[in-house]
Amino acid sequence: DKNDAELAAWWKALKGQRGKLLLGAYWVLYPGSPTSRADAF
């Protein structure tokens, strides 16, 4: 919908927990242009 400005800060804070915590991200999907949206993700 719009880029989440906190994503980089979240990753910096959490990436050290990999191995203890499975991390991931989600993309708000709207209709149309699904492959372009996946590339943008």
PDB file of all heavy atoms in Angstrom:
ATOM      1  N   ASP A   1       0.858  -1.179   0.000  1.00  0.00           N
ATOM      2  CA  ASP A   1       0.000   0.000   0.000  1.00  0.00           C
ATOM      3  C   ASP A   1       0.901   1.238   0.000  1.00  0.00           C
ATOM      4  O   ASP A   1       0.813   2.103  -0.846  1.00  0.00           O
ATOM      5  CB  ASP A   1      -0.960  -0.007   1.191  1.00  0.00           C
ATOM      6  CG  ASP A   1      -0.286  -0.298   2.533  1.00  0.00           C
ATOM      7  OD1 ASP A   1       0.936  -0.546   2.558  1.00  0.00           O
ATOM      8  OD2 ASP A   1      -0.987  -0.260   3.552  1.00  0.00           O
ATOM      9  N   LYS A   2       1.787   1.269   0.942  1.00  0.00           N
ATOM     10  CA  LYS A   2       2.884   2.230   0.954  1.00  0.00           C
ATOM     11  C   LYS A   2       4.033   1.561   1.676  1.00  0.00           C
ATOM     12  O   LYS A   2       3.829   0.698   2.533  1.00  0.00           O
ATOM     13  CB  LYS A   2       2.489   3.538   1.643  1.00  0.00           C
ATOM     14  CG  LYS A   2       2.087   3.379   3.107  1.00  0.00           C
ATOM     15  CD  LYS A   2       1.714   4.723   3.692  1.00  0.00           C
ATOM     16  CE  LYS A   2       1.316   4.591   5.166  1.00  0.00           C
ATOM     17  NZ  LYS A   2       0.951   5.888   5.754  1.00  0.00           N
ATOM     18  N   ASN A   3       5.255   1.937   1.326  1.00  0.00           N
ATOM     19  CA  ASN A   3       6.402   1.305   1.956  1.00  0.00           C
ATOM     20  C   ASN A   3       6.428   1.619   3.437  1.00  0.00           C
ATOM     21  O   ASN A   3       6.147   2.744   3.859  1.00  0.00           O
ATOM     22  CB  ASN A   3       7.702   1.780   1.302  1.00  0.00           C
ATOM     23  CG  ASN A   3       7.883   1.239  -0.094  1.00  0.00           C
ATOM     24  OD1 ASN A   3       7.299   0.215  -0.451  1.00  0.00           O
ATOM     25  ND2 ASN A   3       8.677   1.909  -0.904  1.00  0.00           N
ATOM     26  N   ASP A   4       6.735   0.618   4.228  1.00  0.00           N
ATOM     27  CA  ASP A   4       6.778   0.797   5.666  1.00  0.00           C
ATOM     28  C   ASP A   4       8.141   1.354   6.071  1.00  0.00           C
ATOM     29  O   ASP A   4       9.160   0.696   5.912  1.00  0.00           O
ATOM     30  CB  ASP A   4       6.510  -0.525   6.387  1.00  0.00           C
ATOM     31  CG  ASP A   4       6.114  -0.305   7.828  1.00  0.00           C
ATOM     32  OD1 ASP A   4       6.851   0.417   8.528  1.00  0.00           O
ATOM     33  OD2 ASP A   4       5.075  -0.830   8.258  1.00  0.00           O
ATOM     34  N   ALA A   5       8.139   2.576   6.585  1.00  0.00           N
ATOM     35  CA  ALA A   5       9.391   3.261   6.903  1.00  0.00           C
ATOM     36  C   ALA A   5      10.165   2.590   8.031  1.00  0.00           C
ATOM     37  O   ALA A   5      11.370   2.814   8.173  1.00  0.00           O
ATOM     38  CB  ALA A   5       9.103   4.722   7.269  1.00  0.00           C
ATOM     39  N   GLU A   6       9.502   1.757   8.832  1.00  0.00           N
ATOM     40  CA  GLU A   6      10.168   1.131   9.966  1.00  0.00           C
ATOM     41  C   GLU A   6      10.824  -0.198   9.618  1.00  0.00           C
ATOM     42  O   GLU A   6      11.466  -0.804  10.488  1.00  0.00           O
ATOM     43  CB  GLU A   6       9.165   0.914  11.105  1.00  0.00           C
ATOM     44  CG  GLU A   6       8.641   2.203  11.713  1.00  0.00           C
ATOM     45  CD  GLU A   6       7.672   1.956  12.858  1.00  0.00           C
ATOM     46  OE1 GLU A   6       7.320   0.783  13.107  1.00  0.00           O
ATOM     47  OE2 GLU A   6       7.282   2.933  13.490  1.00  0.00           O
ATOM     48  N   LEU A   7      10.681  -0.656   8.395  1.00  0.00           N
ATOM     49  CA  LEU A   7      11.168  -1.995   8.047  1.00  0.00           C
ATOM     50  C   LEU A   7      12.657  -2.154   8.310  1.00  0.00           C
ATOM     51  O   LEU A   7      13.084  -3.146   8.901  1.00  0.00           O
ATOM     52  CB  LEU A   7      10.847  -2.299   6.579  1.00  0.00           C
ATOM     53  CG  LEU A   7      11.275  -3.675   6.073  1.00  0.00           C
ATOM     54  CD1 LEU A   7      10.562  -4.797   6.823  1.00  0.00           C
ATOM     55  CD2 LEU A   7      11.017  -3.798   4.561  1.00  0.00           C
ATOM     56  N   ALA A   8      13.465  -1.191   7.877  1.00  0.00           N
ATOM     57  CA  ALA A   8      14.914  -1.306   8.052  1.00  0.00           C
ATOM     58  C   ALA A   8      15.297  -1.326   9.529  1.00  0.00           C
ATOM     59  O   ALA A   8      16.173  -2.105   9.942  1.00  0.00           O
ATOM     60  CB  ALA A   8      15.625  -0.161   7.336  1.00  0.00           C
ATOM     61  N   ALA A   9      14.647  -0.485  10.329  1.00  0.00           N
ATOM     62  CA  ALA A   9      14.946  -0.447  11.758  1.00  0.00           C
ATOM     63  C   ALA A   9      14.533  -1.753  12.426  1.00  0.00           C
ATOM     64  O   ALA A   9      15.240  -2.260  13.318  1.00  0.00           O
ATOM     65  CB  ALA A   9      14.229   0.739  12.406  1.00  0.00           C
ATOM     66  N   TRP A  10      13.389  -2.283  12.011  1.00  0.00           N
ATOM     67  CA  TRP A  10      12.936  -3.568  12.548  1.00  0.00           C
ATOM     68  C   TRP A  10      13.942  -4.670  12.232  1.00  0.00           C
ATOM     69  O   TRP A  10      14.319  -5.463  13.104  1.00  0.00           O
ATOM     70  CB  TRP A  10      11.563  -3.916  11.966  1.00  0.00           C
ATOM     71  CG  TRP A  10      11.122  -5.311  12.240  1.00  0.00           C
ATOM     72  CD1 TRP A  10      10.544  -5.785  13.377  1.00  0.00           C
ATOM     73  CD2 TRP A  10      11.238  -6.438  11.358  1.00  0.00           C
ATOM     74  NE1 TRP A  10      10.287  -7.134  13.264  1.00  0.00           N
ATOM     75  CE2 TRP A  10      10.706  -7.557  12.034  1.00  0.00           C
ATOM     76  CE3 TRP A  10      11.719  -6.603  10.058  1.00  0.00           C
ATOM     77  CZ2 TRP A  10      10.649  -8.827  11.449  1.00  0.00           C
ATOM     78  CZ3 TRP A  10      11.674  -7.861   9.487  1.00  0.00           C
ATOM     79  CH2 TRP A  10      11.135  -8.958  10.182  1.00  0.00           C
ATOM     80  N   TRP A  11      14.395  -4.721  10.986  1.00  0.00           N
ATOM     81  CA  TRP A  11      15.344  -5.751  10.583  1.00  0.00           C
ATOM     82  C   TRP A  11      16.644  -5.627  11.372  1.00  0.00           C
ATOM     83  O   TRP A  11      17.201  -6.631  11.852  1.00  0.00           O
ATOM     84  CB  TRP A  11      15.620  -5.650   9.083  1.00  0.00           C
ATOM     85  CG  TRP A  11      16.632  -6.627   8.581  1.00  0.00           C
ATOM     86  CD1 TRP A  11      17.915  -6.367   8.210  1.00  0.00           C
ATOM     87  CD2 TRP A  11      16.467  -8.039   8.418  1.00  0.00           C
ATOM     88  NE1 TRP A  11      18.556  -7.510   7.814  1.00  0.00           N
ATOM     89  CE2 TRP A  11      17.679  -8.566   7.926  1.00  0.00           C
ATOM     90  CE3 TRP A  11      15.396  -8.908   8.629  1.00  0.00           C
ATOM     91  CZ2 TRP A  11      17.862  -9.911   7.653  1.00  0.00           C
ATOM     92  CZ3 TRP A  11      15.582 -10.261   8.355  1.00  0.00           C
ATOM     93  CH2 TRP A  11      16.797 -10.746   7.875  1.00  0.00           C
ATOM     94  N   LYS A  12      17.130  -4.422  11.536  1.00  0.00           N
ATOM     95  CA  LYS A  12      18.365  -4.201  12.277  1.00  0.00           C
ATOM     96  C   LYS A  12      18.234  -4.694  13.715  1.00  0.00           C
ATOM     97  O   LYS A  12      19.155  -5.287  14.268  1.00  0.00           O
ATOM     98  CB  LYS A  12      18.733  -2.718  12.253  1.00  0.00           C
ATOM     99  CG  LYS A  12      20.049  -2.400  12.928  1.00  0.00           C
ATOM    100  CD  LYS A  12      20.386  -0.922  12.811  1.00  0.00           C
ATOM    101  CE  LYS A  12      21.712  -0.597  13.489  1.00  0.00           C
ATOM    102  NZ  LYS A  12      22.033   0.858  13.371  1.00  0.00           N
ATOM    103  N   ALA A  13      17.054  -4.462  14.313  1.00  0.00           N
ATOM    104  CA  ALA A  13      16.828  -4.854  15.702  1.00  0.00           C
ATOM    105  C   ALA A  13      16.627  -6.348  15.880  1.00  0.00           C
ATOM    106  O   ALA A  13      16.981  -6.907  16.921  1.00  0.00           O
ATOM    107  CB  ALA A  13      15.614  -4.103  16.257  1.00  0.00           C
ATOM    108  N   LEU A  14      16.070  -7.007  14.859  1.00  0.00           N
ATOM    109  CA  LEU A  14      15.672  -8.412  15.023  1.00  0.00           C
ATOM    110  C   LEU A  14      16.610  -9.420  14.374  1.00  0.00           C
ATOM    111  O   LEU A  14      16.612 -10.601  14.744  1.00  0.00           O
ATOM    112  CB  LEU A  14      14.262  -8.614  14.463  1.00  0.00           C
ATOM    113  CG  LEU A  14      13.075  -8.357  15.392  1.00  0.00           C
ATOM    114  CD1 LEU A  14      13.066  -9.344  16.552  1.00  0.00           C
ATOM    115  CD2 LEU A  14      13.011  -6.951  15.899  1.00  0.00           C
ATOM    116  N   LYS A  15      17.412  -9.010  13.393  1.00  0.00           N
ATOM    117  CA  LYS A  15      18.163  -9.997  12.614  1.00  0.00           C
ATOM    118  C   LYS A  15      19.132 -10.800  13.469  1.00  0.00           C
ATOM    119  O   LYS A  15      19.465 -11.938  13.140  1.00  0.00           O
ATOM    120  CB  LYS A  15      18.892  -9.325  11.455  1.00  0.00           C
ATOM    121  CG  LYS A  15      19.979  -8.351  11.870  1.00  0.00           C
ATOM    122  CD  LYS A  15      20.640  -7.727  10.630  1.00  0.00           C
ATOM    123  CE  LYS A  15      21.737  -6.751  11.022  1.00  0.00           C
ATOM    124  NZ  LYS A  15      22.365  -6.156   9.801  1.00  0.00           N
ATOM    125  N   GLY A  16      19.575 -10.221  14.584  1.00  0.00           N
ATOM    126  CA  GLY A  16      20.482 -10.948  15.469  1.00  0.00           C
ATOM    127  C   GLY A  16      19.834 -12.126  16.174  1.00  0.00           C
ATOM    128  O   GLY A  16      20.537 -12.953  16.762  1.00  0.00           O
ATOM    129  N   GLN A  17      18.504 -12.208  16.096  1.00  0.00           N
ATOM    130  CA  GLN A  17      17.779 -13.305  16.739  1.00  0.00           C
ATOM    131  C   GLN A  17      17.541 -14.488  15.797  1.00  0.00           C
ATOM    132  O   GLN A  17      16.926 -15.474  16.196  1.00  0.00           O
ATOM    133  CB  GLN A  17      16.430 -12.800  17.264  1.00  0.00           C
ATOM    134  CG  GLN A  17      16.541 -11.711  18.320  1.00  0.00           C
ATOM    135  CD  GLN A  17      17.261 -12.172  19.564  1.00  0.00           C
ATOM    136  OE1 GLN A  17      17.020 -13.268  20.062  1.00  0.00           O
ATOM    137  NE2 GLN A  17      18.167 -11.346  20.081  1.00  0.00           N
ATOM    138  N   ARG A  18      18.001 -14.380  14.566  1.00  0.00           N
ATOM    139  CA  ARG A  18      17.826 -15.502  13.638  1.00  0.00           C
ATOM    140  C   ARG A  18      18.498 -16.745  14.225  1.00  0.00           C
ATOM    141  O   ARG A  18      19.592 -16.690  14.753  1.00  0.00           O
ATOM    142  CB  ARG A  18      18.416 -15.184  12.257  1.00  0.00           C
ATOM    143  CG  ARG A  18      17.702 -14.075  11.542  1.00  0.00           C
ATOM    144  CD  ARG A  18      18.262 -13.862  10.147  1.00  0.00           C
ATOM    145  NE  ARG A  18      17.444 -14.523   9.147  1.00  0.00           N
ATOM    146  CZ  ARG A  18      17.649 -14.420   7.833  1.00  0.00           C
ATOM    147  NH1 ARG A  18      18.660 -13.721   7.370  1.00  0.00           N
ATOM    148  NH2 ARG A  18      16.850 -15.039   6.991  1.00  0.00           N
ATOM    149  N   GLY A  19      17.812 -17.851  14.102  1.00  0.00           N
ATOM    150  CA  GLY A  19      18.236 -19.079  14.765  1.00  0.00           C
ATOM    151  C   GLY A  19      17.356 -19.346  15.967  1.00  0.00           C
ATOM    152  O   GLY A  19      17.037 -20.492  16.265  1.00  0.00           O
ATOM    153  N   LYS A  20      16.942 -18.269  16.635  1.00  0.00           N
ATOM    154  CA  LYS A  20      15.966 -18.372  17.712  1.00  0.00           C
ATOM    155  C   LYS A  20      14.572 -17.975  17.226  1.00  0.00           C
ATOM    156  O   LYS A  20      13.563 -18.432  17.749  1.00  0.00           O
ATOM    157  CB  LYS A  20      16.354 -17.456  18.876  1.00  0.00           C
ATOM    158  CG  LYS A  20      17.674 -17.752  19.527  1.00  0.00           C
ATOM    159  CD  LYS A  20      17.947 -16.744  20.633  1.00  0.00           C
ATOM    160  CE  LYS A  20      19.286 -16.957  21.293  1.00  0.00           C
ATOM    161  NZ  LYS A  20      19.548 -15.922  22.340  1.00  0.00           N
ATOM    162  N   LEU A  21      14.545 -17.090  16.232  1.00  0.00           N
ATOM    163  CA  LEU A  21      13.303 -16.492  15.761  1.00  0.00           C
ATOM    164  C   LEU A  21      13.273 -16.529  14.238  1.00  0.00           C
ATOM    165  O   LEU A  21      14.185 -16.042  13.577  1.00  0.00           O
ATOM    166  CB  LEU A  21      13.236 -15.043  16.251  1.00  0.00           C
ATOM    167  CG  LEU A  21      11.957 -14.255  16.068  1.00  0.00           C
ATOM    168  CD1 LEU A  21      10.834 -14.814  16.957  1.00  0.00           C
ATOM    169  CD2 LEU A  21      12.188 -12.781  16.410  1.00  0.00           C
ATOM    170  N   LEU A  22      12.224 -17.124  13.673  1.00  0.00           N
ATOM    171  CA  LEU A  22      12.049 -17.151  12.224  1.00  0.00           C
ATOM    172  C   LEU A  22      11.443 -15.816  11.798  1.00  0.00           C
ATOM    173  O   LEU A  22      10.361 -15.442  12.250  1.00  0.00           O
ATOM    174  CB  LEU A  22      11.124 -18.302  11.822  1.00  0.00           C
ATOM    175  CG  LEU A  22      10.762 -18.410  10.342  1.00  0.00           C
ATOM    176  CD1 LEU A  22      12.012 -18.627   9.490  1.00  0.00           C
ATOM    177  CD2 LEU A  22       9.758 -19.535  10.126  1.00  0.00           C
ATOM    178  N   LEU A  23      12.148 -15.096  10.939  1.00  0.00           N
ATOM    179  CA  LEU A  23      11.704 -13.775  10.504  1.00  0.00           C
ATOM    180  C   LEU A  23      11.071 -13.839   9.122  1.00  0.00           C
ATOM    181  O   LEU A  23      11.277 -14.781   8.365  1.00  0.00           O
ATOM    182  CB  LEU A  23      12.884 -12.798  10.507  1.00  0.00           C
ATOM    183  CG  LEU A  23      13.556 -12.555  11.857  1.00  0.00           C
ATOM    184  CD1 LEU A  23      14.741 -11.612  11.690  1.00  0.00           C
ATOM    185  CD2 LEU A  23      12.564 -11.989  12.867  1.00  0.00           C
ATOM    186  N   GLY A  24      10.306 -12.811   8.805  1.00  0.00           N
ATOM    187  CA  GLY A  24       9.660 -12.735   7.509  1.00  0.00           C
ATOM    188  C   GLY A  24       9.047 -11.368   7.289  1.00  0.00           C
ATOM    189  O   GLY A  24       9.171 -10.471   8.128  1.00  0.00           O
ATOM    190  N   ALA A  25       8.382 -11.204   6.161  1.00  0.00           N
ATOM    191  CA  ALA A  25       7.749  -9.924   5.835  1.00  0.00           C
ATOM    192  C   ALA A  25       6.500 -10.178   5.009  1.00  0.00           C
ATOM    193  O   ALA A  25       6.360 -11.222   4.377  1.00  0.00           O
ATOM    194  CB  ALA A  25       8.721  -9.028   5.073  1.00  0.00           C
ATOM    195  N   TYR A  26       5.585  -9.202   5.030  1.00  0.00           N
ATOM    196  CA  TYR A  26       4.374  -9.338   4.224  1.00  0.00           C
ATOM    197  C   TYR A  26       4.172  -8.129   3.332  1.00  0.00           C
ATOM    198  O   TYR A  26       4.634  -7.023   3.605  1.00  0.00           O
ATOM    199  CB  TYR A  26       3.149  -9.603   5.096  1.00  0.00           C
ATOM    200  CG  TYR A  26       2.734  -8.534   6.090  1.00  0.00           C
ATOM    201  CD1 TYR A  26       1.803  -7.554   5.746  1.00  0.00           C
ATOM    202  CD2 TYR A  26       3.229  -8.541   7.389  1.00  0.00           C
ATOM    203  CE1 TYR A  26       1.386  -6.602   6.665  1.00  0.00           C
ATOM    204  CE2 TYR A  26       2.818  -7.604   8.318  1.00  0.00           C
ATOM    205  CZ  TYR A  26       1.895  -6.631   7.953  1.00  0.00           C
ATOM    206  OH  TYR A  26       1.489  -5.687   8.870  1.00  0.00           O
ATOM    207  N   TRP A  27       3.494  -8.395   2.224  1.00  0.00           N
ATOM    208  CA  TRP A  27       3.215  -7.389   1.207  1.00  0.00           C
ATOM    209  C   TRP A  27       1.711  -7.272   1.041  1.00  0.00           C
ATOM    210  O   TRP A  27       1.030  -8.268   0.831  1.00  0.00           O
ATOM    211  CB  TRP A  27       3.839  -7.811  -0.122  1.00  0.00           C
ATOM    212  CG  TRP A  27       3.892  -6.731  -1.165  1.00  0.00           C
ATOM    213  CD1 TRP A  27       3.062  -6.590  -2.236  1.00  0.00           C
ATOM    214  CD2 TRP A  27       4.840  -5.665  -1.250  1.00  0.00           C
ATOM    215  NE1 TRP A  27       3.428  -5.502  -2.981  1.00  0.00           N
ATOM    216  CE2 TRP A  27       4.525  -4.906  -2.391  1.00  0.00           C
ATOM    217  CE3 TRP A  27       5.928  -5.267  -0.464  1.00  0.00           C
ATOM    218  CZ2 TRP A  27       5.253  -3.777  -2.779  1.00  0.00           C
ATOM    219  CZ3 TRP A  27       6.655  -4.144  -0.850  1.00  0.00           C
ATOM    220  CH2 TRP A  27       6.318  -3.417  -1.988  1.00  0.00           C
ATOM    221  N   VAL A  28       1.204  -6.059   1.185  1.00  0.00           N
ATOM    222  CA  VAL A  28      -0.223  -5.824   0.982  1.00  0.00           C
ATOM    223  C   VAL A  28      -0.500  -5.949  -0.511  1.00  0.00           C
ATOM    224  O   VAL A  28      -0.008  -5.147  -1.312  1.00  0.00           O
ATOM    225  CB  VAL A  28      -0.633  -4.436   1.507  1.00  0.00           C
ATOM    226  CG1 VAL A  28      -2.114  -4.187   1.225  1.00  0.00           C
ATOM    227  CG2 VAL A  28      -0.367  -4.338   3.008  1.00  0.00           C
ATOM    228  N   LEU A  29      -1.256  -6.972  -0.876  1.00  0.00           N
ATOM    229  CA  LEU A  29      -1.488  -7.276  -2.283  1.00  0.00           C
ATOM    230  C   LEU A  29      -2.816  -6.698  -2.751  1.00  0.00           C
ATOM    231  O   LEU A  29      -3.867  -6.986  -2.179  1.00  0.00           O
ATOM    232  CB  LEU A  29      -1.468  -8.792  -2.500  1.00  0.00           C
ATOM    233  CG  LEU A  29      -1.603  -9.271  -3.951  1.00  0.00           C
ATOM    234  CD1 LEU A  29      -0.440  -8.758  -4.800  1.00  0.00           C
ATOM    235  CD2 LEU A  29      -1.669 -10.794  -4.007  1.00  0.00           C
ATOM    236  N   TYR A  30      -2.738  -5.889  -3.798  1.00  0.00           N
ATOM    237  CA  TYR A  30      -3.931  -5.343  -4.439  1.00  0.00           C
ATOM    238  C   TYR A  30      -4.137  -6.046  -5.788  1.00  0.00           C
ATOM    239  O   TYR A  30      -3.220  -6.689  -6.311  1.00  0.00           O
ATOM    240  CB  TYR A  30      -3.773  -3.841  -4.652  1.00  0.00           C
ATOM    241  CG  TYR A  30      -3.962  -3.023  -3.409  1.00  0.00           C
ATOM    242  CD1 TYR A  30      -2.885  -2.713  -2.576  1.00  0.00           C
ATOM    243  CD2 TYR A  30      -5.222  -2.550  -3.044  1.00  0.00           C
ATOM    244  CE1 TYR A  30      -3.049  -1.967  -1.418  1.00  0.00           C
ATOM    245  CE2 TYR A  30      -5.400  -1.800  -1.893  1.00  0.00           C
ATOM    246  CZ  TYR A  30      -4.321  -1.510  -1.094  1.00  0.00           C
ATOM    247  OH  TYR A  30      -4.497  -0.775   0.053  1.00  0.00           O
ATOM    248  N   PRO A  31      -5.319  -5.936  -6.366  1.00  0.00           N
ATOM    249  CA  PRO A  31      -5.564  -6.579  -7.662  1.00  0.00           C
ATOM    250  C   PRO A  31      -4.701  -5.979  -8.777  1.00  0.00           C
ATOM    251  O   PRO A  31      -4.369  -4.794  -8.756  1.00  0.00           O
ATOM    252  CB  PRO A  31      -7.052  -6.293  -7.911  1.00  0.00           C
ATOM    253  CG  PRO A  31      -7.635  -6.044  -6.556  1.00  0.00           C
ATOM    254  CD  PRO A  31      -6.546  -5.348  -5.794  1.00  0.00           C
ATOM    255  N   GLY A  32      -4.344  -6.837  -9.737  1.00  0.00           N
ATOM    256  CA  GLY A  32      -3.619  -6.394 -10.912  1.00  0.00           C
ATOM    257  C   GLY A  32      -2.103  -6.448 -10.763  1.00  0.00           C
ATOM    258  O   GLY A  32      -1.556  -6.267  -9.670  1.00  0.00           O
ATOM    259  N   SER A  33      -1.428  -6.715 -11.894  1.00  0.00           N
ATOM    260  CA  SER A  33       0.045  -6.715 -11.974  1.00  0.00           C
ATOM    261  C   SER A  33       0.711  -7.535 -10.874  1.00  0.00           C
ATOM    262  O   SER A  33       1.628  -7.058 -10.181  1.00  0.00           O
ATOM    263  CB  SER A  33       0.573  -5.274 -11.934  1.00  0.00           C
ATOM    264  OG  SER A  33      -0.028  -4.468 -12.913  1.00  0.00           O
ATOM    265  N   PRO A  34       0.310  -8.781 -10.679  1.00  0.00           N
ATOM    266  CA  PRO A  34       0.854  -9.554  -9.553  1.00  0.00           C
ATOM    267  C   PRO A  34       2.349  -9.819  -9.644  1.00  0.00           C
ATOM    268  O   PRO A  34       3.030  -9.815  -8.607  1.00  0.00           O
ATOM    269  CB  PRO A  34       0.047 -10.859  -9.603  1.00  0.00           C
ATOM    270  CG  PRO A  34      -0.426 -10.966 -11.009  1.00  0.00           C
ATOM    271  CD  PRO A  34      -0.678  -9.560 -11.451  1.00  0.00           C
ATOM    272  N   THR A  35       2.890 -10.064 -10.833  1.00  0.00           N
ATOM    273  CA  THR A  35       4.331 -10.350 -10.911  1.00  0.00           C
ATOM    274  C   THR A  35       5.147  -9.091 -10.631  1.00  0.00           C
ATOM    275  O   THR A  35       6.192  -9.163  -9.980  1.00  0.00           O
ATOM    276  CB  THR A  35       4.717 -10.939 -12.280  1.00  0.00           C
ATOM    277  OG1 THR A  35       4.328 -10.047 -13.327  1.00  0.00           O
ATOM    278  CG2 THR A  35       4.022 -12.278 -12.501  1.00  0.00           C
ATOM    279  N   SER A  36       4.674  -7.940 -11.095  1.00  0.00           N
ATOM    280  CA  SER A  36       5.375  -6.682 -10.798  1.00  0.00           C
ATOM    281  C   SER A  36       5.338  -6.390  -9.306  1.00  0.00           C
ATOM    282  O   SER A  36       6.323  -5.908  -8.729  1.00  0.00           O
ATOM    283  CB  SER A  36       4.738  -5.521 -11.571  1.00  0.00           C
ATOM    284  OG  SER A  36       4.883  -5.688 -12.957  1.00  0.00           O
ATOM    285  N   ARG A  37       4.221  -6.697  -8.672  1.00  0.00           N
ATOM    286  CA  ARG A  37       4.107  -6.489  -7.228  1.00  0.00           C
ATOM    287  C   ARG A  37       5.049  -7.437  -6.477  1.00  0.00           C
ATOM    288  O   ARG A  37       5.655  -7.048  -5.471  1.00  0.00           O
ATOM    289  CB  ARG A  37       2.660  -6.678  -6.785  1.00  0.00           C
ATOM    290  CG  ARG A  37       1.699  -5.649  -7.360  1.00  0.00           C
ATOM    291  CD  ARG A  37       0.267  -5.873  -6.870  1.00  0.00           C
ATOM    292  NE  ARG A  37      -0.692  -5.084  -7.598  1.00  0.00           N
ATOM    293  CZ  ARG A  37      -1.015  -3.812  -7.338  1.00  0.00           C
ATOM    294  NH1 ARG A  37      -0.412  -3.192  -6.336  1.00  0.00           N
ATOM    295  NH2 ARG A  37      -1.910  -3.170  -8.052  1.00  0.00           N
ATOM    296  N   ALA A  38       5.169  -8.666  -6.949  1.00  0.00           N
ATOM    297  CA  ALA A  38       6.100  -9.606  -6.316  1.00  0.00           C
ATOM    298  C   ALA A  38       7.541  -9.127  -6.453  1.00  0.00           C
ATOM    299  O   ALA A  38       8.331  -9.207  -5.492  1.00  0.00           O
ATOM    300  CB  ALA A  38       5.932 -10.997  -6.931  1.00  0.00           C
ATOM    301  N   ASP A  39       7.900  -8.615  -7.632  1.00  0.00           N
ATOM    302  CA  ASP A  39       9.250  -8.080  -7.824  1.00  0.00           C
ATOM    303  C   ASP A  39       9.497  -6.888  -6.909  1.00  0.00           C
ATOM    304  O   ASP A  39      10.599  -6.729  -6.361  1.00  0.00           O
ATOM    305  CB  ASP A  39       9.448  -7.667  -9.281  1.00  0.00           C
ATOM    306  CG  ASP A  39       9.661  -8.852 -10.214  1.00  0.00           C
ATOM    307  OD1 ASP A  39      10.141  -9.904  -9.745  1.00  0.00           O
ATOM    308  OD2 ASP A  39       9.346  -8.724 -11.412  1.00  0.00           O
ATOM    309  N   ALA A  40       8.481  -6.048  -6.738  1.00  0.00           N
ATOM    310  CA  ALA A  40       8.623  -4.884  -5.864  1.00  0.00           C
ATOM    311  C   ALA A  40       8.828  -5.320  -4.407  1.00  0.00           C
ATOM    312  O   ALA A  40       9.599  -4.694  -3.657  1.00  0.00           O
ATOM    313  CB  ALA A  40       7.393  -3.985  -5.983  1.00  0.00           C
ATOM    314  N   PHE A  41       8.151  -6.386  -4.004  1.00  0.00           N
ATOM    315  CA  PHE A  41       8.299  -6.953  -2.663  1.00  0.00           C
ATOM    316  C   PHE A  41       9.739  -7.387  -2.434  1.00  0.00           C
ATOM    317  O   PHE A  41      10.384  -7.003  -1.439  1.00  0.00           O
ATOM    318  CB  PHE A  41       7.330  -8.119  -2.530  1.00  0.00           C
ATOM    319  CG  PHE A  41       7.254  -8.789  -1.186  1.00  0.00           C
ATOM    320  CD1 PHE A  41       7.794  -8.211  -0.044  1.00  0.00           C
ATOM    321  CD2 PHE A  41       6.615 -10.019  -1.052  1.00  0.00           C
ATOM    322  CE1 PHE A  41       7.705  -8.835   1.205  1.00  0.00           C
ATOM    323  CE2 PHE A  41       6.511 -10.651   0.182  1.00  0.00           C
ATOM    324  CZ  PHE A  41       7.071 -10.062   1.303  1.00  0.00           C
TER     325      PHE A  41
END
